[in-house]
PDB file of all heavy atoms in Angstrom:
ATOM      1  N   ASN A   1       0.749  -1.262  -0.035  1.00  0.00           N
ATOM      2  CA  ASN A   1      -0.118   0.088   0.004  1.00  0.00           C
ATOM      3  C   ASN A   1       0.854   1.258   0.022  1.00  0.00           C
ATOM      4  O   ASN A   1       0.296   2.347  -0.222  1.00  0.00           O
ATOM      5  CB  ASN A   1      -0.966   0.089   1.207  1.00  0.00           C
ATOM      6  CG  ASN A   1      -1.958  -1.046   1.072  1.00  0.00           C
ATOM      7  OD1 ASN A   1      -2.376  -1.358  -0.053  1.00  0.00           O
ATOM      8  ND2 ASN A   1      -2.477  -1.623   2.146  1.00  0.00           N
ATOM      9  N   ARG A   2       2.011   1.126   0.256  1.00  0.00           N
ATOM     10  CA  ARG A   2       3.030   2.376   0.295  1.00  0.00           C
ATOM     11  C   ARG A   2       3.078   2.889  -1.102  1.00  0.00           C
ATOM     12  O   ARG A   2       3.589   4.090  -1.263  1.00  0.00           O
ATOM     13  CB  ARG A   2       4.408   1.997   0.741  1.00  0.00           C
ATOM     14  CG  ARG A   2       5.092   1.041  -0.199  1.00  0.00           C
ATOM     15  CD  ARG A   2       6.471   0.546   0.376  1.00  0.00           C
ATOM     16  NE  ARG A   2       7.310   1.690   0.553  1.00  0.00           N
ATOM     17  CZ  ARG A   2       8.491   1.660   0.988  1.00  0.00           C
ATOM     18  NH1 ARG A   2       9.014   0.583   1.335  1.00  0.00           N
ATOM     19  NH2 ARG A   2       9.348   2.767   1.058  1.00  0.00           N
ATOM     20  N   PHE A   3       2.691   2.292  -2.199  1.00  0.00           N
ATOM     21  CA  PHE A   3       2.738   2.675  -3.479  1.00  0.00           C
ATOM     22  C   PHE A   3       1.405   3.331  -3.987  1.00  0.00           C
ATOM     23  O   PHE A   3       1.393   3.782  -5.134  1.00  0.00           O
ATOM     24  CB  PHE A   3       3.187   1.618  -4.509  1.00  0.00           C
ATOM     25  CG  PHE A   3       4.463   0.998  -4.166  1.00  0.00           C
ATOM     26  CD1 PHE A   3       4.589  -0.259  -3.573  1.00  0.00           C
ATOM     27  CD2 PHE A   3       5.695   1.668  -4.399  1.00  0.00           C
ATOM     28  CE1 PHE A   3       5.804  -0.875  -3.234  1.00  0.00           C
ATOM     29  CE2 PHE A   3       6.865   1.136  -4.192  1.00  0.00           C
ATOM     30  CZ  PHE A   3       7.001  -0.195  -3.546  1.00  0.00           C
ATOM     31  N   SER A   4       0.520   3.347  -3.112  1.00  0.00           N
ATOM     32  CA  SER A   4      -0.885   3.855  -3.416  1.00  0.00           C
ATOM     33  C   SER A   4      -0.875   5.298  -3.889  1.00  0.00           C
ATOM     34  O   SER A   4      -1.868   5.776  -4.480  1.00  0.00           O
ATOM     35  CB  SER A   4      -1.899   3.522  -2.343  1.00  0.00           C
ATOM     36  OG  SER A   4      -1.640   4.225  -1.200  1.00  0.00           O
ATOM     37  N   ASP A   5       0.089   6.100  -3.367  1.00  0.00           N
ATOM     38  CA  ASP A   5       0.052   7.571  -3.860  1.00  0.00           C
ATOM     39  C   ASP A   5       0.482   7.763  -5.250  1.00  0.00           C
ATOM     40  O   ASP A   5       0.200   8.755  -5.824  1.00  0.00           O
ATOM     41  CB  ASP A   5       0.951   8.354  -2.873  1.00  0.00           C
ATOM     42  CG  ASP A   5       2.412   7.870  -2.898  1.00  0.00           C
ATOM     43  OD1 ASP A   5       2.585   6.744  -3.145  1.00  0.00           O
ATOM     44  OD2 ASP A   5       3.322   8.738  -2.527  1.00  0.00           O
ATOM     45  N   THR A   6       1.208   6.850  -5.848  1.00  0.00           N
ATOM     46  CA  THR A   6       1.739   6.942  -7.216  1.00  0.00           C
ATOM     47  C   THR A   6       1.181   5.831  -8.227  1.00  0.00           C
ATOM     48  O   THR A   6       1.329   5.978  -9.464  1.00  0.00           O
ATOM     49  CB  THR A   6       3.255   6.775  -7.323  1.00  0.00           C
ATOM     50  OG1 THR A   6       3.673   5.531  -6.723  1.00  0.00           O
ATOM     51  CG2 THR A   6       3.896   7.895  -6.595  1.00  0.00           C
ATOM     52  N   ALA A   7       0.456   4.941  -7.669  1.00  0.00           N
ATOM     53  CA  ALA A   7      -0.117   3.798  -8.484  1.00  0.00           C
ATOM     54  C   ALA A   7      -1.363   3.274  -7.795  1.00  0.00           C
ATOM     55  O   ALA A   7      -1.536   3.249  -6.585  1.00  0.00           O
ATOM     56  CB  ALA A   7       0.839   2.712  -8.678  1.00  0.00           C
ATOM     57  N   GLU A   8      -2.234   2.640  -8.666  1.00  0.00           N
ATOM     58  CA  GLU A   8      -3.227   1.902  -8.139  1.00  0.00           C
ATOM     59  C   GLU A   8      -2.773   0.480  -7.883  1.00  0.00           C
ATOM     60  O   GLU A   8      -2.114  -0.156  -8.676  1.00  0.00           O
ATOM     61  CB  GLU A   8      -4.292   1.779  -9.284  1.00  0.00           C
ATOM     62  CG  GLU A   8      -5.584   0.871  -8.907  1.00  0.00           C
ATOM     63  CD  GLU A   8      -6.538   0.594  -9.994  1.00  0.00           C
ATOM     64  OE1 GLU A   8      -6.172   0.962 -11.078  1.00  0.00           O
ATOM     65  OE2 GLU A   8      -7.561   0.050  -9.704  1.00  0.00           O
ATOM     66  N   VAL A   9      -2.992   0.001  -6.520  1.00  0.00           N
ATOM     67  CA  VAL A   9      -2.519  -1.233  -6.028  1.00  0.00           C
ATOM     68  C   VAL A   9      -3.735  -2.133  -6.009  1.00  0.00           C
ATOM     69  O   VAL A   9      -4.579  -1.959  -5.274  1.00  0.00           O
ATOM     70  CB  VAL A   9      -1.891  -1.057  -4.661  1.00  0.00           C
ATOM     71  CG1 VAL A   9      -1.365  -2.461  -4.156  1.00  0.00           C
ATOM     72  CG2 VAL A   9      -0.758  -0.033  -4.653  1.00  0.00           C
ATOM     73  N   ARG A  10      -3.537  -3.226  -6.734  1.00  0.00           N
ATOM     74  CA  ARG A  10      -4.558  -4.276  -6.690  1.00  0.00           C
ATOM     75  C   ARG A  10      -3.833  -5.629  -6.428  1.00  0.00           C
ATOM     76  O   ARG A  10      -2.833  -5.854  -6.902  1.00  0.00           O
ATOM     77  CB  ARG A  10      -5.310  -4.400  -8.058  1.00  0.00           C
ATOM     78  CG  ARG A  10      -6.106  -3.099  -8.303  1.00  0.00           C
ATOM     79  CD  ARG A  10      -6.824  -3.177  -9.723  1.00  0.00           C
ATOM     80  NE  ARG A  10      -5.874  -3.235 -10.720  1.00  0.00           N
ATOM     81  CZ  ARG A  10      -6.163  -3.752 -11.919  1.00  0.00           C
ATOM     82  NH1 ARG A  10      -7.335  -4.234 -12.157  1.00  0.00           N
ATOM     83  NH2 ARG A  10      -5.258  -3.819 -12.801  1.00  0.00           N
ATOM     84  N   ILE A  11      -4.536  -6.319  -5.518  1.00  0.00           N
ATOM     85  CA  ILE A  11      -3.989  -7.527  -5.081  1.00  0.00           C
ATOM     86  C   ILE A  11      -5.020  -8.804  -5.319  1.00  0.00           C
ATOM     87  O   ILE A  11      -6.112  -8.650  -4.888  1.00  0.00           O
ATOM     88  CB  ILE A  11      -3.504  -7.485  -3.550  1.00  0.00           C
ATOM     89  CG1 ILE A  11      -2.535  -6.431  -3.379  1.00  0.00           C
ATOM     90  CG2 ILE A  11      -2.954  -8.807  -3.160  1.00  0.00           C
ATOM     91  CD1 ILE A  11      -2.188  -6.146  -1.887  1.00  0.00           C
ATOM     92  N   PHE A  12      -4.574  -9.777  -6.063  1.00  0.00           N
ATOM     93  CA  PHE A  12      -5.335 -10.887  -6.374  1.00  0.00           C
ATOM     94  C   PHE A  12      -4.747 -12.200  -5.975  1.00  0.00           C
ATOM     95  O   PHE A  12      -3.572 -12.322  -5.874  1.00  0.00           O
ATOM     96  CB  PHE A  12      -5.585 -10.951  -7.923  1.00  0.00           C
ATOM     97  CG  PHE A  12      -6.025  -9.645  -8.575  1.00  0.00           C
ATOM     98  CD1 PHE A  12      -5.179  -8.888  -9.270  1.00  0.00           C
ATOM     99  CD2 PHE A  12      -7.435  -9.447  -8.704  1.00  0.00           C
ATOM    100  CE1 PHE A  12      -5.527  -7.668  -9.892  1.00  0.00           C
ATOM    101  CE2 PHE A  12      -7.800  -8.281  -9.225  1.00  0.00           C
ATOM    102  CZ  PHE A  12      -6.970  -7.423  -9.918  1.00  0.00           C
ATOM    103  N   PRO A  13      -5.648 -13.119  -5.758  1.00  0.00           N
ATOM    104  CA  PRO A  13      -5.025 -14.544  -5.312  1.00  0.00           C
ATOM    105  C   PRO A  13      -4.503 -15.102  -6.663  1.00  0.00           C
ATOM    106  O   PRO A  13      -5.212 -15.033  -7.658  1.00  0.00           O
ATOM    107  CB  PRO A  13      -6.263 -15.330  -4.801  1.00  0.00           C
ATOM    108  CG  PRO A  13      -7.434 -14.564  -5.288  1.00  0.00           C
ATOM    109  CD  PRO A  13      -7.009 -13.178  -5.566  1.00  0.00           C
ATOM    110  N   TRP A  14      -3.277 -15.646  -6.546  1.00  0.00           N
ATOM    111  CA  TRP A  14      -2.837 -16.258  -7.720  1.00  0.00           C
ATOM    112  C   TRP A  14      -2.771 -17.890  -7.506  1.00  0.00           C
ATOM    113  O   TRP A  14      -3.284 -18.649  -8.270  1.00  0.00           O
ATOM    114  CB  TRP A  14      -1.452 -15.781  -8.065  1.00  0.00           C
ATOM    115  CG  TRP A  14      -0.735 -16.512  -9.165  1.00  0.00           C
ATOM    116  CD1 TRP A  14      -1.199 -16.691 -10.460  1.00  0.00           C
ATOM    117  CD2 TRP A  14       0.402 -17.284  -9.240  1.00  0.00           C
ATOM    118  NE1 TRP A  14      -0.396 -17.428 -11.265  1.00  0.00           N
ATOM    119  CE2 TRP A  14       0.684 -17.832 -10.509  1.00  0.00           C
ATOM    120  CE3 TRP A  14       1.352 -17.578  -8.053  1.00  0.00           C
ATOM    121  CZ2 TRP A  14       1.852 -18.568 -10.813  1.00  0.00           C
ATOM    122  CZ3 TRP A  14       2.496 -18.338  -8.404  1.00  0.00           C
ATOM    123  CH2 TRP A  14       2.768 -18.784  -9.690  1.00  0.00           C
ATOM    124  N   ARG A  15      -2.097 -18.199  -6.332  1.00  0.00           N
ATOM    125  CA  ARG A  15      -2.066 -19.599  -5.997  1.00  0.00           C
ATOM    126  C   ARG A  15      -2.172 -19.692  -4.558  1.00  0.00           C
ATOM    127  O   ARG A  15      -1.439 -19.089  -3.791  1.00  0.00           O
ATOM    128  CB  ARG A  15      -0.771 -20.251  -6.565  1.00  0.00           C
ATOM    129  CG  ARG A  15      -0.691 -21.656  -6.395  1.00  0.00           C
ATOM    130  CD  ARG A  15       0.652 -22.151  -7.030  1.00  0.00           C
ATOM    131  NE  ARG A  15       0.500 -23.514  -7.448  1.00  0.00           N
ATOM    132  CZ  ARG A  15       1.443 -24.175  -8.172  1.00  0.00           C
ATOM    133  NH1 ARG A  15       2.570 -23.506  -8.440  1.00  0.00           N
ATOM    134  NH2 ARG A  15       1.327 -25.379  -8.478  1.00  0.00           N
ATOM    135  N   SER A  16      -2.979 -20.503  -3.961  1.00  0.00           N
ATOM    136  CA  SER A  16      -3.420 -20.679  -2.566  1.00  0.00           C
ATOM    137  C   SER A  16      -2.257 -21.381  -1.828  1.00  0.00           C
ATOM    138  O   SER A  16      -1.951 -21.031  -0.638  1.00  0.00           O
ATOM    139  CB  SER A  16      -4.695 -21.310  -2.366  1.00  0.00           C
ATOM    140  OG  SER A  16      -5.732 -20.418  -2.806  1.00  0.00           O
ATOM    141  N   PHE A  17      -1.741 -22.463  -2.394  1.00  0.00           N
ATOM    142  CA  PHE A  17      -0.647 -23.243  -1.735  1.00  0.00           C
ATOM    143  C   PHE A  17       0.455 -23.402  -2.610  1.00  0.00           C
ATOM    144  O   PHE A  17       0.429 -23.463  -3.898  1.00  0.00           O
ATOM    145  CB  PHE A  17      -1.321 -24.547  -1.313  1.00  0.00           C
ATOM    146  CG  PHE A  17      -2.516 -24.599  -0.455  1.00  0.00           C
ATOM    147  CD1 PHE A  17      -3.757 -24.712  -0.882  1.00  0.00           C
ATOM    148  CD2 PHE A  17      -2.224 -24.303   0.913  1.00  0.00           C
ATOM    149  CE1 PHE A  17      -4.770 -24.606  -0.051  1.00  0.00           C
ATOM    150  CE2 PHE A  17      -3.370 -24.269   1.810  1.00  0.00           C
ATOM    151  CZ  PHE A  17      -4.731 -24.420   1.322  1.00  0.00           C
ATOM    152  N   LYS A  18       1.675 -23.774  -2.009  1.00  0.00           N
ATOM    153  CA  LYS A  18       2.881 -24.204  -2.742  1.00  0.00           C
ATOM    154  C   LYS A  18       2.475 -25.517  -3.329  1.00  0.00           C
ATOM    155  O   LYS A  18       1.740 -26.346  -2.792  1.00  0.00           O
ATOM    156  CB  LYS A  18       3.943 -24.255  -1.847  1.00  0.00           C
ATOM    157  CG  LYS A  18       4.592 -23.009  -1.232  1.00  0.00           C
ATOM    158  CD  LYS A  18       5.822 -23.461  -0.422  1.00  0.00           C
ATOM    159  CE  LYS A  18       6.433 -22.116   0.196  1.00  0.00           C
ATOM    160  NZ  LYS A  18       7.640 -22.395   0.891  1.00  0.00           N
ATOM    161  N   SER A  19       3.133 -25.822  -4.483  1.00  0.00           N
ATOM    162  CA  SER A  19       2.862 -27.130  -5.067  1.00  0.00           C
ATOM    163  C   SER A  19       3.148 -28.305  -4.206  1.00  0.00           C
ATOM    164  O   SER A  19       2.535 -29.263  -4.185  1.00  0.00           O
ATOM    165  CB  SER A  19       3.632 -27.259  -6.429  1.00  0.00           C
ATOM    166  OG  SER A  19       5.014 -27.200  -6.196  1.00  0.00           O
ATOM    167  N   LYS A  20       4.261 -28.210  -3.374  1.00  0.00           N
ATOM    168  CA  LYS A  20       4.503 -29.212  -2.506  1.00  0.00           C
ATOM    169  C   LYS A  20       3.458 -29.525  -1.404  1.00  0.00           C
ATOM    170  O   LYS A  20       3.180 -30.647  -1.068  1.00  0.00           O
ATOM    171  CB  LYS A  20       5.924 -29.243  -1.862  1.00  0.00           C
ATOM    172  CG  LYS A  20       6.059 -28.238  -0.739  1.00  0.00           C
ATOM    173  CD  LYS A  20       7.475 -28.308  -0.119  1.00  0.00           C
ATOM    174  CE  LYS A  20       7.543 -27.475   1.048  1.00  0.00           C
ATOM    175  NZ  LYS A  20       8.900 -27.505   1.698  1.00  0.00           N
ATOM    176  N   HIS A  21       2.916 -28.316  -0.962  1.00  0.00           N
ATOM    177  CA  HIS A  21       1.679 -28.572   0.032  1.00  0.00           C
ATOM    178  C   HIS A  21       0.469 -29.164  -0.748  1.00  0.00           C
ATOM    179  O   HIS A  21      -0.164 -29.905  -0.107  1.00  0.00           O
ATOM    180  CB  HIS A  21       1.468 -27.110   0.650  1.00  0.00           C
ATOM    181  CG  HIS A  21       2.623 -26.617   1.457  1.00  0.00           C
ATOM    182  ND1 HIS A  21       2.840 -25.361   1.667  1.00  0.00           N
ATOM    183  CD2 HIS A  21       3.489 -27.221   2.160  1.00  0.00           C
ATOM    184  CE1 HIS A  21       3.847 -25.199   2.462  1.00  0.00           C
ATOM    185  NE2 HIS A  21       4.268 -26.370   2.707  1.00  0.00           N
ATOM    186  N   GLN A  22       0.275 -28.723  -1.957  1.00  0.00           N
ATOM    187  CA  GLN A  22      -0.828 -29.162  -2.644  1.00  0.00           C
ATOM    188  C   GLN A  22      -0.699 -30.741  -2.797  1.00  0.00           C
ATOM    189  O   GLN A  22      -1.648 -31.461  -2.665  1.00  0.00           O
ATOM    190  CB  GLN A  22      -0.960 -28.575  -4.058  1.00  0.00           C
ATOM    191  CG  GLN A  22      -1.538 -27.080  -4.026  1.00  0.00           C
ATOM    192  CD  GLN A  22      -1.574 -26.529  -5.366  1.00  0.00           C
ATOM    193  OE1 GLN A  22      -1.080 -27.154  -6.391  1.00  0.00           O
ATOM    194  NE2 GLN A  22      -1.974 -25.217  -5.461  1.00  0.00           N
ATOM    195  N   LYS A  23       0.469 -31.201  -3.187  1.00  0.00           N
ATOM    196  CA  LYS A  23       0.689 -32.697  -3.265  1.00  0.00           C
ATOM    197  C   LYS A  23       0.456 -33.396  -2.074  1.00  0.00           C
ATOM    198  O   LYS A  23       0.032 -34.483  -2.106  1.00  0.00           O
ATOM    199  CB  LYS A  23       2.190 -32.875  -3.865  1.00  0.00           C
ATOM    200  CG  LYS A  23       2.314 -32.448  -5.320  1.00  0.00           C
ATOM    201  CD  LYS A  23       3.776 -32.577  -5.685  1.00  0.00           C
ATOM    202  CE  LYS A  23       4.028 -31.978  -7.038  1.00  0.00           C
ATOM    203  NZ  LYS A  23       5.355 -32.020  -7.426  1.00  0.00           N
ATOM    204  N   ILE A  24       0.721 -32.784  -0.933  1.00  0.00           N
ATOM    205  CA  ILE A  24       0.546 -33.421   0.405  1.00  0.00           C
ATOM    206  C   ILE A  24      -0.974 -33.379   0.777  1.00  0.00           C
ATOM    207  O   ILE A  24      -1.539 -34.358   1.193  1.00  0.00           O
ATOM    208  CB  ILE A  24       1.404 -32.856   1.513  1.00  0.00           C
ATOM    209  CG1 ILE A  24       2.825 -33.035   1.206  1.00  0.00           C
ATOM    210  CG2 ILE A  24       0.937 -33.320   2.821  1.00  0.00           C
ATOM    211  CD1 ILE A  24       3.714 -32.110   2.075  1.00  0.00           C
ATOM    212  N   LEU A  25      -1.584 -32.262   0.528  1.00  0.00           N
ATOM    213  CA  LEU A  25      -2.998 -32.078   1.046  1.00  0.00           C
ATOM    214  C   LEU A  25      -4.045 -32.511   0.075  1.00  0.00           C
ATOM    215  O   LEU A  25      -5.151 -32.897   0.490  1.00  0.00           O
ATOM    216  CB  LEU A  25      -3.241 -30.636   1.372  1.00  0.00           C
ATOM    217  CG  LEU A  25      -2.358 -29.993   2.466  1.00  0.00           C
ATOM    218  CD1 LEU A  25      -2.562 -28.551   2.527  1.00  0.00           C
ATOM    219  CD2 LEU A  25      -2.692 -30.624   3.779  1.00  0.00           C
ATOM    220  N   VAL A  26      -3.808 -32.544  -1.196  1.00  0.00           N
ATOM    221  CA  VAL A  26      -4.810 -32.869  -2.213  1.00  0.00           C
ATOM    222  C   VAL A  26      -4.516 -34.130  -2.861  1.00  0.00           C
ATOM    223  O   VAL A  26      -3.513 -34.143  -3.555  1.00  0.00           O
ATOM    224  CB  VAL A  26      -4.919 -31.678  -3.185  1.00  0.00           C
ATOM    225  CG1 VAL A  26      -6.186 -32.079  -4.270  1.00  0.00           C
ATOM    226  CG2 VAL A  26      -5.387 -30.344  -2.527  1.00  0.00           C
ATOM    227  N   PRO A  27      -5.324 -35.131  -2.800  1.00  0.00           N
ATOM    228  CA  PRO A  27      -5.090 -36.478  -3.544  1.00  0.00           C
ATOM    229  C   PRO A  27      -5.099 -36.251  -5.023  1.00  0.00           C
ATOM    230  O   PRO A  27      -5.856 -35.414  -5.556  1.00  0.00           O
ATOM    231  CB  PRO A  27      -6.195 -37.337  -3.033  1.00  0.00           C
ATOM    232  CG  PRO A  27      -7.279 -36.479  -2.574  1.00  0.00           C
ATOM    233  CD  PRO A  27      -6.573 -35.168  -2.078  1.00  0.00           C
ATOM    234  N   ASP A  28      -4.377 -37.075  -5.801  1.00  0.00           N
ATOM    235  CA  ASP A  28      -4.435 -37.071  -7.105  1.00  0.00           C
ATOM    236  C   ASP A  28      -5.467 -38.034  -7.614  1.00  0.00           C
ATOM    237  O   ASP A  28      -5.145 -39.098  -8.111  1.00  0.00           O
ATOM    238  CB  ASP A  28      -3.003 -37.448  -7.710  1.00  0.00           C
ATOM    239  CG  ASP A  28      -2.841 -37.365  -9.184  1.00  0.00           C
ATOM    240  OD1 ASP A  28      -3.734 -36.739  -9.875  1.00  0.00           O
ATOM    241  OD2 ASP A  28      -1.984 -38.022  -9.731  1.00  0.00           O
ATOM    242  N   ASN A  29      -6.753 -37.591  -7.536  1.00  0.00           N
ATOM    243  CA  ASN A  29      -7.858 -38.428  -8.008  1.00  0.00           C
ATOM    244  C   ASN A  29      -9.057 -37.610  -8.268  1.00  0.00           C
ATOM    245  O   ASN A  29      -8.911 -36.277  -8.191  1.00  0.00           O
ATOM    246  CB  ASN A  29      -8.112 -39.653  -7.001  1.00  0.00           C
ATOM    247  CG  ASN A  29      -8.437 -39.062  -5.710  1.00  0.00           C
ATOM    248  OD1 ASN A  29      -8.822 -37.953  -5.411  1.00  0.00           O
ATOM    249  ND2 ASN A  29      -8.103 -39.916  -4.624  1.00  0.00           N
ATOM    250  N   LYS A  30     -10.195 -38.194  -8.452  1.00  0.00           N
ATOM    251  CA  LYS A  30     -11.450 -37.364  -8.615  1.00  0.00           C
ATOM    252  C   LYS A  30     -11.837 -36.523  -7.484  1.00  0.00           C
ATOM    253  O   LYS A  30     -12.214 -35.387  -7.614  1.00  0.00           O
ATOM    254  CB  LYS A  30     -12.620 -38.312  -8.930  1.00  0.00           C
ATOM    255  CG  LYS A  30     -12.574 -38.959 -10.269  1.00  0.00           C
ATOM    256  CD  LYS A  30     -13.801 -39.832 -10.467  1.00  0.00           C
ATOM    257  CE  LYS A  30     -13.565 -40.513 -11.908  1.00  0.00           C
ATOM    258  NZ  LYS A  30     -14.757 -41.221 -12.232  1.00  0.00           N
ATOM    259  N   PHE A  31     -11.498 -36.927  -6.311  1.00  0.00           N
ATOM    260  CA  PHE A  31     -11.775 -36.088  -5.070  1.00  0.00           C
ATOM    261  C   PHE A  31     -10.878 -34.995  -5.080  1.00  0.00           C
ATOM    262  O   PHE A  31     -11.377 -33.806  -4.637  1.00  0.00           O
ATOM    263  CB  PHE A  31     -11.588 -37.012  -3.809  1.00  0.00           C
ATOM    264  CG  PHE A  31     -11.870 -36.220  -2.583  1.00  0.00           C
ATOM    265  CD1 PHE A  31     -13.072 -35.838  -2.144  1.00  0.00           C
ATOM    266  CD2 PHE A  31     -10.836 -35.969  -1.701  1.00  0.00           C
ATOM    267  CE1 PHE A  31     -13.334 -34.992  -1.088  1.00  0.00           C
ATOM    268  CE2 PHE A  31     -11.020 -35.144  -0.475  1.00  0.00           C
ATOM    269  CZ  PHE A  31     -12.408 -34.728  -0.162  1.00  0.00           C
ATOM    270  N   GLY A  32      -9.661 -35.074  -5.416  1.00  0.00           N
ATOM    271  CA  GLY A  32      -8.747 -34.035  -5.572  1.00  0.00           C
ATOM    272  C   GLY A  32      -9.185 -32.980  -6.589  1.00  0.00           C
ATOM    273  O   GLY A  32      -9.072 -31.825  -6.368  1.00  0.00           O
ATOM    274  N   LYS A  33      -9.759 -33.386  -7.676  1.00  0.00           N
ATOM    275  CA  LYS A  33     -10.307 -32.492  -8.656  1.00  0.00           C
ATOM    276  C   LYS A  33     -11.432 -31.719  -8.084  1.00  0.00           C
ATOM    277  O   LYS A  33     -11.600 -30.523  -8.388  1.00  0.00           O
ATOM    278  CB  LYS A  33     -10.723 -33.251  -9.967  1.00  0.00           C
ATOM    279  CG  LYS A  33      -9.614 -33.716 -10.826  1.00  0.00           C
ATOM    280  CD  LYS A  33     -10.132 -34.459 -12.019  1.00  0.00           C
ATOM    281  CE  LYS A  33      -8.866 -34.915 -12.851  1.00  0.00           C
ATOM    282  NZ  LYS A  33      -9.378 -35.620 -14.032  1.00  0.00           N
ATOM    283  N   ILE A  34     -12.305 -32.294  -7.335  1.00  0.00           N
ATOM    284  CA  ILE A  34     -13.444 -31.706  -6.706  1.00  0.00           C
ATOM    285  C   ILE A  34     -12.860 -30.602  -5.701  1.00  0.00           C
ATOM    286  O   ILE A  34     -13.358 -29.486  -5.603  1.00  0.00           O
ATOM    287  CB  ILE A  34     -14.272 -32.667  -6.008  1.00  0.00           C
ATOM    288  CG1 ILE A  34     -14.969 -33.519  -7.049  1.00  0.00           C
ATOM    289  CG2 ILE A  34     -15.370 -32.003  -5.103  1.00  0.00           C
ATOM    290  CD1 ILE A  34     -15.780 -34.716  -6.449  1.00  0.00           C
ATOM    291  N   LEU A  35     -11.851 -31.024  -4.883  1.00  0.00           N
ATOM    292  CA  LEU A  35     -11.259 -30.032  -3.990  1.00  0.00           C
ATOM    293  C   LEU A  35     -10.670 -28.747  -4.589  1.00  0.00           C
ATOM    294  O   LEU A  35     -10.933 -27.727  -4.242  1.00  0.00           O
ATOM    295  CB  LEU A  35     -10.204 -30.664  -3.179  1.00  0.00           C
ATOM    296  CG  LEU A  35     -10.537 -31.716  -2.032  1.00  0.00           C
ATOM    297  CD1 LEU A  35      -9.349 -32.242  -1.357  1.00  0.00           C
ATOM    298  CD2 LEU A  35     -11.452 -30.910  -1.039  1.00  0.00           C
ATOM    299  N   PHE A  36      -9.963 -28.959  -5.769  1.00  0.00           N
ATOM    300  CA  PHE A  36      -9.385 -27.809  -6.529  1.00  0.00           C
ATOM    301  C   PHE A  36     -10.570 -27.027  -7.077  1.00  0.00           C
ATOM    302  O   PHE A  36     -10.407 -25.780  -7.109  1.00  0.00           O
ATOM    303  CB  PHE A  36      -8.386 -28.402  -7.563  1.00  0.00           C
ATOM    304  CG  PHE A  36      -7.010 -28.520  -7.141  1.00  0.00           C
ATOM    305  CD1 PHE A  36      -6.374 -29.768  -7.389  1.00  0.00           C
ATOM    306  CD2 PHE A  36      -6.333 -27.577  -6.645  1.00  0.00           C
ATOM    307  CE1 PHE A  36      -5.000 -29.989  -6.945  1.00  0.00           C
ATOM    308  CE2 PHE A  36      -5.056 -27.634  -6.212  1.00  0.00           C
ATOM    309  CZ  PHE A  36      -4.371 -28.877  -6.329  1.00  0.00           C
ATOM    310  N   ALA A  37     -11.543 -27.622  -7.594  1.00  0.00           N
ATOM    311  CA  ALA A  37     -12.640 -26.895  -8.165  1.00  0.00           C
ATOM    312  C   ALA A  37     -13.298 -25.955  -7.096  1.00  0.00           C
ATOM    313  O   ALA A  37     -13.601 -24.790  -7.383  1.00  0.00           O
ATOM    314  CB  ALA A  37     -13.706 -27.763  -8.908  1.00  0.00           C
ATOM    315  N   ALA A  38     -13.414 -26.532  -5.858  1.00  0.00           N
ATOM    316  CA  ALA A  38     -14.025 -25.767  -4.787  1.00  0.00           C
ATOM    317  C   ALA A  38     -13.076 -24.619  -4.308  1.00  0.00           C
ATOM    318  O   ALA A  38     -13.562 -23.651  -4.162  1.00  0.00           O
ATOM    319  CB  ALA A  38     -14.418 -26.736  -3.598  1.00  0.00           C
TER     320      ALA A  38
END
């Protein structure tokens, strides 16, 4: 936000978890696809 005086600052989610955490928390199957969709 320190840049808000010279620029519009917008923050978006890009990726919720590191890939290694995703591999641990989300199974590689249909249930995992449902979790990612949610």
